[in-house]
Amino acid sequence: MKKIHIKKGDTVYVNAGNDKGKTGKVLAVQPDKDRAIVEGINMVSKHTKPNSKQPQGGIIKQEAGIHISNLQLIDPQQNKPTRVGYKFVDGKKIRYAKKSGEEIK
């Protein structure tokens, strides 16, 4: 299993695919599939039957998963894509941006 370098709530940059160059917030991470669902990225049309939420049914647009290899974390200091590093500070493992060296919350 690969190391997942992004978490729910992170802002990411899409570096490949139809949405290349866009940024968005991670809504969910699926580590078993190596995919993440990003707000406004990889939108697909889904046909739904009528139910209590959607009495009419019909076609709705929603986000689909995108492979994590196509995502890069946005550096909080420079607002540019960066790689993620890990280090131990006071016995705790933290993530940091390789470009600026700043800790990622």
PDB file of N, CA and C in Angstrom:
ATOM      1  N   MET A   1       0.835  -1.191   0.000  1.00  0.00           N
ATOM      2  CA  MET A   1       0.000   0.000   0.000  1.00  0.00           C
ATOM      3  C   MET A   1       0.874   1.246   0.000  1.00  0.00           C
ATOM      4  N   LYS A   2       0.493   2.240  -0.813  1.00  0.00           N
ATOM      5  CA  LYS A   2       1.250   3.475  -0.923  1.00  0.00           C
ATOM      6  C   LYS A   2       1.020   4.370   0.288  1.00  0.00           C
ATOM      7  N   LYS A   3       1.958   5.277   0.491  1.00  0.00           N
ATOM      8  CA  LYS A   3       1.813   6.276   1.540  1.00  0.00           C
ATOM      9  C   LYS A   3       0.875   7.362   1.044  1.00  0.00           C
ATOM     10  N   ILE A   4      -0.158   7.651   1.793  1.00  0.00           N
ATOM     11  CA  ILE A   4      -1.109   8.694   1.425  1.00  0.00           C
ATOM     12  C   ILE A   4      -0.576  10.024   1.961  1.00  0.00           C
ATOM     13  N   HIS A   5      -0.283  10.962   1.061  1.00  0.00           N
ATOM     14  CA  HIS A   5       0.320  12.224   1.466  1.00  0.00           C
ATOM     15  C   HIS A   5      -0.674  13.352   1.636  1.00  0.00           C
ATOM     16  N   ILE A   6      -1.969  13.073   1.404  1.00  0.00           N
ATOM     17  CA  ILE A   6      -2.991  14.098   1.604  1.00  0.00           C
ATOM     18  C   ILE A   6      -4.034  13.596   2.589  1.00  0.00           C
ATOM     19  N   LYS A   7      -4.714  14.552   3.224  1.00  0.00           N
ATOM     20  CA  LYS A   7      -5.738  14.223   4.202  1.00  0.00           C
ATOM     21  C   LYS A   7      -6.991  15.028   3.915  1.00  0.00           C
ATOM     22  N   LYS A   8      -8.078  14.627   4.527  1.00  0.00           N
ATOM     23  CA  LYS A   8      -9.334  15.353   4.394  1.00  0.00           C
ATOM     24  C   LYS A   8      -9.137  16.791   4.885  1.00  0.00           C
ATOM     25  N   GLY A   9      -9.623  17.742   4.095  1.00  0.00           N
ATOM     26  CA  GLY A   9      -9.508  19.154   4.481  1.00  0.00           C
ATOM     27  C   GLY A   9      -8.335  19.876   3.842  1.00  0.00           C
ATOM     28  N   ASP A  10      -7.380  19.131   3.261  1.00  0.00           N
ATOM     29  CA  ASP A  10      -6.237  19.757   2.585  1.00  0.00           C
ATOM     30  C   ASP A  10      -6.678  20.430   1.296  1.00  0.00           C
ATOM     31  N   THR A  11      -5.951  21.469   0.896  1.00  0.00           N
ATOM     32  CA  THR A  11      -6.157  22.090  -0.409  1.00  0.00           C
ATOM     33  C   THR A  11      -5.120  21.502  -1.353  1.00  0.00           C
ATOM     34  N   VAL A  12      -5.584  20.982  -2.492  1.00  0.00           N
ATOM     35  CA  VAL A  12      -4.685  20.294  -3.412  1.00  0.00           C
ATOM     36  C   VAL A  12      -4.757  20.885  -4.813  1.00  0.00           C
ATOM     37  N   TYR A  13      -3.701  20.633  -5.582  1.00  0.00           N
ATOM     38  CA  TYR A  13      -3.567  21.057  -6.968  1.00  0.00           C
ATOM     39  C   TYR A  13      -3.624  19.804  -7.835  1.00  0.00           C
ATOM     40  N   VAL A  14      -4.378  19.846  -8.937  1.00  0.00           N
ATOM     41  CA  VAL A  14      -4.492  18.703  -9.841  1.00  0.00           C
ATOM     42  C   VAL A  14      -3.435  18.868 -10.929  1.00  0.00           C
ATOM     43  N   ASN A  15      -2.502  17.902 -11.027  1.00  0.00           N
ATOM     44  CA  ASN A  15      -1.413  18.033 -11.993  1.00  0.00           C
ATOM     45  C   ASN A  15      -1.564  17.132 -13.213  1.00  0.00           C
ATOM     46  N   ALA A  16      -2.693  16.432 -13.354  1.00  0.00           N
ATOM     47  CA  ALA A  16      -2.922  15.589 -14.529  1.00  0.00           C
ATOM     48  C   ALA A  16      -4.412  15.352 -14.702  1.00  0.00           C
ATOM     49  N   GLY A  17      -4.814  15.098 -15.937  1.00  0.00           N
ATOM     50  CA  GLY A  17      -6.209  14.772 -16.222  1.00  0.00           C
ATOM     51  C   GLY A  17      -6.968  15.948 -16.812  1.00  0.00           C
ATOM     52  N   ASN A  18      -8.280  15.782 -16.944  1.00  0.00           N
ATOM     53  CA  ASN A  18      -9.125  16.818 -17.540  1.00  0.00           C
ATOM     54  C   ASN A  18      -9.159  18.101 -16.725  1.00  0.00           C
ATOM     55  N   ASP A  19      -8.979  18.012 -15.423  1.00  0.00           N
ATOM     56  CA  ASP A  19      -9.036  19.183 -14.541  1.00  0.00           C
ATOM     57  C   ASP A  19      -7.655  19.701 -14.174  1.00  0.00           C
ATOM     58  N   LYS A  20      -6.662  19.430 -15.013  1.00  0.00           N
ATOM     59  CA  LYS A  20      -5.286  19.845 -14.742  1.00  0.00           C
ATOM     60  C   LYS A  20      -5.211  21.351 -14.531  1.00  0.00           C
ATOM     61  N   GLY A  21      -4.507  21.746 -13.464  1.00  0.00           N
ATOM     62  CA  GLY A  21      -4.330  23.161 -13.167  1.00  0.00           C
ATOM     63  C   GLY A  21      -5.324  23.713 -12.152  1.00  0.00           C
ATOM     64  N   LYS A  22      -6.365  22.958 -11.826  1.00  0.00           N
ATOM     65  CA  LYS A  22      -7.375  23.417 -10.865  1.00  0.00           C
ATOM     66  C   LYS A  22      -6.959  23.062  -9.445  1.00  0.00           C
ATOM     67  N   THR A  23      -7.536  23.769  -8.493  1.00  0.00           N
ATOM     68  CA  THR A  23      -7.309  23.460  -7.087  1.00  0.00           C
ATOM     69  C   THR A  23      -8.653  23.226  -6.412  1.00  0.00           C
ATOM     70  N   GLY A  24      -8.623  22.500  -5.312  1.00  0.00           N
ATOM     71  CA  GLY A  24      -9.846  22.231  -4.565  1.00  0.00           C
ATOM     72  C   GLY A  24      -9.541  21.645  -3.202  1.00  0.00           C
ATOM     73  N   LYS A  25     -10.565  21.571  -2.389  1.00  0.00           N
ATOM     74  CA  LYS A  25     -10.451  21.041  -1.030  1.00  0.00           C
ATOM     75  C   LYS A  25     -10.803  19.556  -1.041  1.00  0.00           C
ATOM     76  N   VAL A  26     -10.030  18.756  -0.322  1.00  0.00           N
ATOM     77  CA  VAL A  26     -10.275  17.310  -0.252  1.00  0.00           C
ATOM     78  C   VAL A  26     -11.467  17.056   0.666  1.00  0.00           C
ATOM     79  N   LEU A  27     -12.479  16.371   0.113  1.00  0.00           N
ATOM     80  CA  LEU A  27     -13.680  16.046   0.878  1.00  0.00           C
ATOM     81  C   LEU A  27     -13.567  14.691   1.558  1.00  0.00           C
ATOM     82  N   ALA A  28     -12.887  13.741   0.898  1.00  0.00           N
ATOM     83  CA  ALA A  28     -12.725  12.398   1.455  1.00  0.00           C
ATOM     84  C   ALA A  28     -11.515  11.733   0.820  1.00  0.00           C
ATOM     85  N   VAL A  29     -10.908  10.818   1.554  1.00  0.00           N
ATOM     86  CA  VAL A  29      -9.768  10.043   1.052  1.00  0.00           C
ATOM     87  C   VAL A  29     -10.130   8.566   1.149  1.00  0.00           C
ATOM     88  N   GLN A  30      -9.850   7.827   0.069  1.00  0.00           N
ATOM     89  CA  GLN A  30     -10.117   6.391   0.033  1.00  0.00           C
ATOM     90  C   GLN A  30      -8.778   5.667  -0.084  1.00  0.00           C
ATOM     91  N   PRO A  31      -8.105   5.374   1.047  1.00  0.00           N
ATOM     92  CA  PRO A  31      -6.763   4.790   0.990  1.00  0.00           C
ATOM     93  C   PRO A  31      -6.718   3.408   0.346  1.00  0.00           C
ATOM     94  N   ASP A  32      -7.791   2.635   0.462  1.00  0.00           N
ATOM     95  CA  ASP A  32      -7.791   1.300  -0.127  1.00  0.00           C
ATOM     96  C   ASP A  32      -7.774   1.361  -1.651  1.00  0.00           C
ATOM     97  N   LYS A  33      -8.321   2.421  -2.237  1.00  0.00           N
ATOM     98  CA  LYS A  33      -8.354   2.584  -3.691  1.00  0.00           C
ATOM     99  C   LYS A  33      -7.310   3.584  -4.187  1.00  0.00           C
ATOM    100  N   ASP A  34      -6.525   4.198  -3.290  1.00  0.00           N
ATOM    101  CA  ASP A  34      -5.555   5.247  -3.624  1.00  0.00           C
ATOM    102  C   ASP A  34      -6.231   6.412  -4.333  1.00  0.00           C
ATOM    103  N   ARG A  35      -7.404   6.799  -3.874  1.00  0.00           N
ATOM    104  CA  ARG A  35      -8.157   7.882  -4.506  1.00  0.00           C
ATOM    105  C   ARG A  35      -8.612   8.897  -3.465  1.00  0.00           C
ATOM    106  N   ALA A  36      -8.912  10.108  -3.953  1.00  0.00           N
ATOM    107  CA  ALA A  36      -9.456  11.157  -3.105  1.00  0.00           C
ATOM    108  C   ALA A  36     -10.590  11.840  -3.855  1.00  0.00           C
ATOM    109  N   ILE A  37     -11.564  12.333  -3.110  1.00  0.00           N
ATOM    110  CA  ILE A  37     -12.660  13.097  -3.696  1.00  0.00           C
ATOM    111  C   ILE A  37     -12.382  14.556  -3.382  1.00  0.00           C
ATOM    112  N   VAL A  38     -12.271  15.366  -4.460  1.00  0.00           N
ATOM    113  CA  VAL A  38     -11.906  16.775  -4.322  1.00  0.00           C
ATOM    114  C   VAL A  38     -13.077  17.635  -4.794  1.00  0.00           C
ATOM    115  N   GLU A  39     -13.367  18.675  -4.018  1.00  0.00           N
ATOM    116  CA  GLU A  39     -14.496  19.558  -4.289  1.00  0.00           C
ATOM    117  C   GLU A  39     -14.368  20.219  -5.665  1.00  0.00           C
ATOM    118  N   GLY A  40     -15.367  19.994  -6.526  1.00  0.00           N
ATOM    119  CA  GLY A  40     -15.408  20.623  -7.838  1.00  0.00           C
ATOM    120  C   GLY A  40     -14.508  19.996  -8.891  1.00  0.00           C
ATOM    121  N   ILE A  41     -13.843  18.897  -8.581  1.00  0.00           N
ATOM    122  CA  ILE A  41     -12.909  18.247  -9.505  1.00  0.00           C
ATOM    123  C   ILE A  41     -13.473  16.887  -9.915  1.00  0.00           C
ATOM    124  N   ASN A  42     -13.286  16.521 -11.195  1.00  0.00           N
ATOM    125  CA  ASN A  42     -13.720  15.235 -11.739  1.00  0.00           C
ATOM    126  C   ASN A  42     -15.228  15.037 -11.564  1.00  0.00           C
ATOM    127  N   MET A  43     -15.992  16.023 -12.020  1.00  0.00           N
ATOM    128  CA  MET A  43     -17.450  15.969 -11.907  1.00  0.00           C
ATOM    129  C   MET A  43     -18.017  14.962 -12.908  1.00  0.00           C
ATOM    130  N   VAL A  44     -18.938  14.122 -12.434  1.00  0.00           N
ATOM    131  CA  VAL A  44     -19.593  13.132 -13.279  1.00  0.00           C
ATOM    132  C   VAL A  44     -21.102  13.283 -13.140  1.00  0.00           C
ATOM    133  N   SER A  45     -21.830  12.818 -14.151  1.00  0.00           N
ATOM    134  CA  SER A  45     -23.293  12.839 -14.106  1.00  0.00           C
ATOM    135  C   SER A  45     -23.772  11.487 -13.595  1.00  0.00           C
ATOM    136  N   LYS A  46     -24.660  11.527 -12.606  1.00  0.00           N
ATOM    137  CA  LYS A  46     -25.178  10.296 -12.042  1.00  0.00           C
ATOM    138  C   LYS A  46     -26.696  10.297 -12.200  1.00  0.00           C
ATOM    139  N   HIS A  47     -27.235   9.209 -12.728  1.00  0.00           N
ATOM    140  CA  HIS A  47     -28.680   9.067 -12.899  1.00  0.00           C
ATOM    141  C   HIS A  47     -29.257   8.498 -11.608  1.00  0.00           C
ATOM    142  N   THR A  48     -30.261   9.176 -11.050  1.00  0.00           N
ATOM    143  CA  THR A  48     -30.841   8.729  -9.788  1.00  0.00           C
ATOM    144  C   THR A  48     -32.330   8.457  -9.940  1.00  0.00           C
ATOM    145  N   LYS A  49     -32.789   7.466  -9.214  1.00  0.00           N
ATOM    146  CA  LYS A  49     -34.220   7.165  -9.153  1.00  0.00           C
ATOM    147  C   LYS A  49     -34.876   8.145  -8.188  1.00  0.00           C
ATOM    148  N   PRO A  50     -36.154   8.360  -8.323  1.00  0.00           N
ATOM    149  CA  PRO A  50     -36.839   9.209  -7.341  1.00  0.00           C
ATOM    150  C   PRO A  50     -36.752   8.599  -5.936  1.00  0.00           C
ATOM    151  N   ASN A  51     -36.457   9.441  -4.954  1.00  0.00           N
ATOM    152  CA  ASN A  51     -36.433   9.020  -3.555  1.00  0.00           C
ATOM    153  C   ASN A  51     -36.874  10.196  -2.688  1.00  0.00           C
ATOM    154  N   SER A  52     -36.796  10.052  -1.371  1.00  0.00           N
ATOM    155  CA  SER A  52     -37.294  11.118  -0.489  1.00  0.00           C
ATOM    156  C   SER A  52     -36.465  12.399  -0.621  1.00  0.00           C
ATOM    157  N   LYS A  53     -35.154  12.267  -0.885  1.00  0.00           N
ATOM    158  CA  LYS A  53     -34.303  13.442  -1.066  1.00  0.00           C
ATOM    159  C   LYS A  53     -34.550  14.109  -2.411  1.00  0.00           C
ATOM    160  N   GLN A  54     -34.651  13.297  -3.451  1.00  0.00           N
ATOM    161  CA  GLN A  54     -34.861  13.767  -4.823  1.00  0.00           C
ATOM    162  C   GLN A  54     -36.193  13.201  -5.338  1.00  0.00           C
ATOM    163  N   PRO A  55     -37.327  13.862  -5.052  1.00  0.00           N
ATOM    164  CA  PRO A  55     -38.615  13.300  -5.462  1.00  0.00           C
ATOM    165  C   PRO A  55     -38.749  13.155  -6.984  1.00  0.00           C
ATOM    166  N   GLN A  56     -38.087  14.017  -7.740  1.00  0.00           N
ATOM    167  CA  GLN A  56     -38.146  13.948  -9.194  1.00  0.00           C
ATOM    168  C   GLN A  56     -37.177  12.911  -9.759  1.00  0.00           C
ATOM    169  N   GLY A  57     -36.090  12.637  -9.043  1.00  0.00           N
ATOM    170  CA  GLY A  57     -35.040  11.789  -9.605  1.00  0.00           C
ATOM    171  C   GLY A  57     -34.280  12.603 -10.632  1.00  0.00           C
ATOM    172  N   GLY A  58     -33.690  11.948 -11.627  1.00  0.00           N
ATOM    173  CA  GLY A  58     -33.027  12.672 -12.709  1.00  0.00           C
ATOM    174  C   GLY A  58     -31.526  12.546 -12.668  1.00  0.00           C
ATOM    175  N   ILE A  59     -30.864  13.491 -13.326  1.00  0.00           N
ATOM    176  CA  ILE A  59     -29.407  13.469 -13.456  1.00  0.00           C
ATOM    177  C   ILE A  59     -28.816  14.519 -12.527  1.00  0.00           C
ATOM    178  N   ILE A  60     -27.908  14.085 -11.666  1.00  0.00           N
ATOM    179  CA  ILE A  60     -27.223  15.021 -10.772  1.00  0.00           C
ATOM    180  C   ILE A  60     -25.730  14.982 -11.045  1.00  0.00           C
ATOM    181  N   LYS A  61     -25.066  16.111 -10.820  1.00  0.00           N
ATOM    182  CA  LYS A  61     -23.613  16.202 -10.982  1.00  0.00           C
ATOM    183  C   LYS A  61     -22.984  16.005  -9.609  1.00  0.00           C
ATOM    184  N   GLN A  62     -21.946  15.159  -9.544  1.00  0.00           N
ATOM    185  CA  GLN A  62     -21.237  14.970  -8.288  1.00  0.00           C
ATOM    186  C   GLN A  62     -19.782  14.651  -8.568  1.00  0.00           C
ATOM    187  N   GLU A  63     -18.958  14.804  -7.532  1.00  0.00           N
ATOM    188  CA  GLU A  63     -17.532  14.547  -7.666  1.00  0.00           C
ATOM    189  C   GLU A  63     -17.258  13.050  -7.645  1.00  0.00           C
ATOM    190  N   ALA A  64     -16.311  12.634  -8.480  1.00  0.00           N
ATOM    191  CA  ALA A  64     -15.846  11.246  -8.466  1.00  0.00           C
ATOM    192  C   ALA A  64     -14.415  11.248  -7.949  1.00  0.00           C
ATOM    193  N   GLY A  65     -13.922  10.077  -7.580  1.00  0.00           N
ATOM    194  CA  GLY A  65     -12.569   9.966  -7.054  1.00  0.00           C
ATOM    195  C   GLY A  65     -11.518  10.258  -8.109  1.00  0.00           C
ATOM    196  N   ILE A  66     -10.393  10.809  -7.671  1.00  0.00           N
ATOM    197  CA  ILE A  66      -9.253  11.059  -8.542  1.00  0.00           C
ATOM    198  C   ILE A  66      -8.035  10.418  -7.872  1.00  0.00           C
ATOM    199  N   HIS A  67      -7.169   9.818  -8.662  1.00  0.00           N
ATOM    200  CA  HIS A  67      -6.025   9.096  -8.103  1.00  0.00           C
ATOM    201  C   HIS A  67      -5.087  10.068  -7.396  1.00  0.00           C
ATOM    202  N   ILE A  68      -4.555   9.664  -6.239  1.00  0.00           N
ATOM    203  CA  ILE A  68      -3.731  10.574  -5.440  1.00  0.00           C
ATOM    204  C   ILE A  68      -2.413  10.937  -6.108  1.00  0.00           C
ATOM    205  N   SER A  69      -1.979  10.121  -7.097  1.00  0.00           N
ATOM    206  CA  SER A  69      -0.742  10.469  -7.794  1.00  0.00           C
ATOM    207  C   SER A  69      -0.932  11.700  -8.676  1.00  0.00           C
ATOM    208  N   ASN A  70      -2.186  12.058  -8.956  1.00  0.00           N
ATOM    209  CA  ASN A  70      -2.483  13.235  -9.771  1.00  0.00           C
ATOM    210  C   ASN A  70      -2.733  14.481  -8.928  1.00  0.00           C
ATOM    211  N   LEU A  71      -2.481  14.398  -7.628  1.00  0.00           N
ATOM    212  CA  LEU A  71      -2.721  15.513  -6.724  1.00  0.00           C
ATOM    213  C   LEU A  71      -1.433  15.918  -6.021  1.00  0.00           C
ATOM    214  N   GLN A  72      -1.280  17.232  -5.805  1.00  0.00           N
ATOM    215  CA  GLN A  72      -0.170  17.747  -5.009  1.00  0.00           C
ATOM    216  C   GLN A  72      -0.731  18.710  -3.981  1.00  0.00           C
ATOM    217  N   LEU A  73      -0.175  18.683  -2.798  1.00  0.00           N
ATOM    218  CA  LEU A  73      -0.609  19.568  -1.737  1.00  0.00           C
ATOM    219  C   LEU A  73      -0.192  21.008  -2.060  1.00  0.00           C
ATOM    220  N   ILE A  74      -1.035  21.975  -1.690  1.00  0.00           N
ATOM    221  CA  ILE A  74      -0.706  23.390  -1.864  1.00  0.00           C
ATOM    222  C   ILE A  74       0.064  23.852  -0.631  1.00  0.00           C
ATOM    223  N   ASP A  75       1.238  24.466  -0.864  1.00  0.00           N
ATOM    224  CA  ASP A  75       2.071  25.003   0.210  1.00  0.00           C
ATOM    225  C   ASP A  75       1.309  26.143   0.896  1.00  0.00           C
ATOM    226  N   PRO A  76       1.100  26.071   2.221  1.00  0.00           N
ATOM    227  CA  PRO A  76       0.319  27.107   2.900  1.00  0.00           C
ATOM    228  C   PRO A  76       0.987  28.492   2.866  1.00  0.00           C
ATOM    229  N   GLN A  77       2.294  28.541   2.723  1.00  0.00           N
ATOM    230  CA  GLN A  77       3.000  29.821   2.740  1.00  0.00           C
ATOM    231  C   GLN A  77       3.074  30.447   1.355  1.00  0.00           C
ATOM    232  N   GLN A  78       3.361  29.656   0.323  1.00  0.00           N
ATOM    233  CA  GLN A  78       3.590  30.185  -1.016  1.00  0.00           C
ATOM    234  C   GLN A  78       2.401  30.023  -1.954  1.00  0.00           C
ATOM    235  N   ASN A  79       1.385  29.274  -1.557  1.00  0.00           N
ATOM    236  CA  ASN A  79       0.221  28.967  -2.401  1.00  0.00           C
ATOM    237  C   ASN A  79       0.615  28.350  -3.737  1.00  0.00           C
ATOM    238  N   LYS A  80       1.621  27.488  -3.720  1.00  0.00           N
ATOM    239  CA  LYS A  80       2.063  26.752  -4.896  1.00  0.00           C
ATOM    240  C   LYS A  80       2.110  25.267  -4.541  1.00  0.00           C
ATOM    241  N   PRO A  81       2.025  24.386  -5.559  1.00  0.00           N
ATOM    242  CA  PRO A  81       2.112  22.949  -5.280  1.00  0.00           C
ATOM    243  C   PRO A  81       3.473  22.575  -4.707  1.00  0.00           C
ATOM    244  N   THR A  82       3.476  21.635  -3.778  1.00  0.00           N
ATOM    245  CA  THR A  82       4.715  21.200  -3.145  1.00  0.00           C
ATOM    246  C   THR A  82       4.640  19.718  -2.828  1.00  0.00           C
ATOM    247  N   ARG A  83       5.802  19.131  -2.636  1.00  0.00           N
ATOM    248  CA  ARG A  83       5.834  17.754  -2.154  1.00  0.00           C
ATOM    249  C   ARG A  83       5.730  17.774  -0.635  1.00  0.00           C
ATOM    250  N   VAL A  84       5.420  16.624  -0.057  1.00  0.00           N
ATOM    251  CA  VAL A  84       5.213  16.524   1.385  1.00  0.00           C
ATOM    252  C   VAL A  84       6.321  15.697   2.003  1.00  0.00           C
ATOM    253  N   GLY A  85       6.876  16.185   3.109  1.00  0.00           N
ATOM    254  CA  GLY A  85       7.877  15.448   3.864  1.00  0.00           C
ATOM    255  C   GLY A  85       7.355  15.165   5.261  1.00  0.00           C
ATOM    256  N   TYR A  86       8.000  14.252   5.933  1.00  0.00           N
ATOM    257  CA  TYR A  86       7.626  13.893   7.295  1.00  0.00           C
ATOM    258  C   TYR A  86       8.847  14.002   8.188  1.00  0.00           C
ATOM    259  N   LYS A  87       8.651  14.516   9.407  1.00  0.00           N
ATOM    260  CA  LYS A  87       9.738  14.554  10.390  1.00  0.00           C
ATOM    261  C   LYS A  87       9.136  14.455  11.785  1.00  0.00           C
ATOM    262  N   PHE A  88       9.985  14.107  12.730  1.00  0.00           N
ATOM    263  CA  PHE A  88       9.548  13.978  14.109  1.00  0.00           C
ATOM    264  C   PHE A  88       9.955  15.212  14.894  1.00  0.00           C
ATOM    265  N   VAL A  89       8.980  15.836  15.555  1.00  0.00           N
ATOM    266  CA  VAL A  89       9.223  16.995  16.407  1.00  0.00           C
ATOM    267  C   VAL A  89       8.608  16.690  17.765  1.00  0.00           C
ATOM    268  N   ASP A  90       9.432  16.680  18.796  1.00  0.00           N
ATOM    269  CA  ASP A  90       8.990  16.360  20.157  1.00  0.00           C
ATOM    270  C   ASP A  90       8.271  15.019  20.223  1.00  0.00           C
ATOM    271  N   GLY A  91       8.769  14.033  19.476  1.00  0.00           N
ATOM    272  CA  GLY A  91       8.197  12.696  19.494  1.00  0.00           C
ATOM    273  C   GLY A  91       6.933  12.533  18.671  1.00  0.00           C
ATOM    274  N   LYS A  92       6.499  13.588  17.963  1.00  0.00           N
ATOM    275  CA  LYS A  92       5.299  13.508  17.128  1.00  0.00           C
ATOM    276  C   LYS A  92       5.699  13.609  15.668  1.00  0.00           C
ATOM    277  N   LYS A  93       5.065  12.810  14.834  1.00  0.00           N
ATOM    278  CA  LYS A  93       5.325  12.827  13.398  1.00  0.00           C
ATOM    279  C   LYS A  93       4.476  13.930  12.769  1.00  0.00           C
ATOM    280  N   ILE A  94       5.129  14.858  12.065  1.00  0.00           N
ATOM    281  CA  ILE A  94       4.399  15.944  11.426  1.00  0.00           C
ATOM    282  C   ILE A  94       4.693  15.975   9.934  1.00  0.00           C
ATOM    283  N   ARG A  95       3.765  16.550   9.180  1.00  0.00           N
ATOM    284  CA  ARG A  95       3.969  16.756   7.746  1.00  0.00           C
ATOM    285  C   ARG A  95       4.509  18.167   7.546  1.00  0.00           C
ATOM    286  N   TYR A  96       5.386  18.322   6.561  1.00  0.00           N
ATOM    287  CA  TYR A  96       5.865  19.665   6.236  1.00  0.00           C
ATOM    288  C   TYR A  96       6.010  19.808   4.727  1.00  0.00           C
ATOM    289  N   ALA A  97       5.924  21.054   4.255  1.00  0.00           N
ATOM    290  CA  ALA A  97       6.038  21.345   2.831  1.00  0.00           C
ATOM    291  C   ALA A  97       7.518  21.369   2.461  1.00  0.00           C
ATOM    292  N   LYS A  98       7.891  20.614   1.442  1.00  0.00           N
ATOM    293  CA  LYS A  98       9.291  20.537   1.037  1.00  0.00           C
ATOM    294  C   LYS A  98       9.783  21.871   0.468  1.00  0.00           C
ATOM    295  N   LYS A  99       8.896  22.646  -0.176  1.00  0.00           N
ATOM    296  CA  LYS A  99       9.299  23.898  -0.807  1.00  0.00           C
ATOM    297  C   LYS A  99       9.685  24.961   0.212  1.00  0.00           C
ATOM    298  N   SER A 100       8.834  25.145   1.228  1.00  0.00           N
ATOM    299  CA  SER A 100       9.078  26.220   2.197  1.00  0.00           C
ATOM    300  C   SER A 100       9.585  25.710   3.545  1.00  0.00           C
ATOM    301  N   GLY A 101       9.413  24.413   3.802  1.00  0.00           N
ATOM    302  CA  GLY A 101       9.814  23.863   5.088  1.00  0.00           C
ATOM    303  C   GLY A 101       8.794  24.089   6.194  1.00  0.00           C
ATOM    304  N   GLU A 102       7.661  24.725   5.862  1.00  0.00           N
ATOM    305  CA  GLU A 102       6.646  25.035   6.855  1.00  0.00           C
ATOM    306  C   GLU A 102       5.817  23.809   7.211  1.00  0.00           C
ATOM    307  N   GLU A 103       5.439  23.725   8.477  1.00  0.00           N
ATOM    308  CA  GLU A 103       4.607  22.618   8.946  1.00  0.00           C
ATOM    309  C   GLU A 103       3.202  22.735   8.357  1.00  0.00           C
ATOM    310  N   ILE A 104       2.631  21.590   7.997  1.00  0.00           N
ATOM    311  CA  ILE A 104       1.277  21.539   7.456  1.00  0.00           C
ATOM    312  C   ILE A 104       0.343  21.108   8.567  1.00  0.00           C
ATOM    313  N   LYS A 105      -0.633  21.918   8.842  1.00  0.00           N
ATOM    314  CA  LYS A 105      -1.578  21.632   9.916  1.00  0.00           C
ATOM    315  C   LYS A 105      -2.624  20.641   9.447  1.00  0.00           C
TER     316      LYS A 105
END
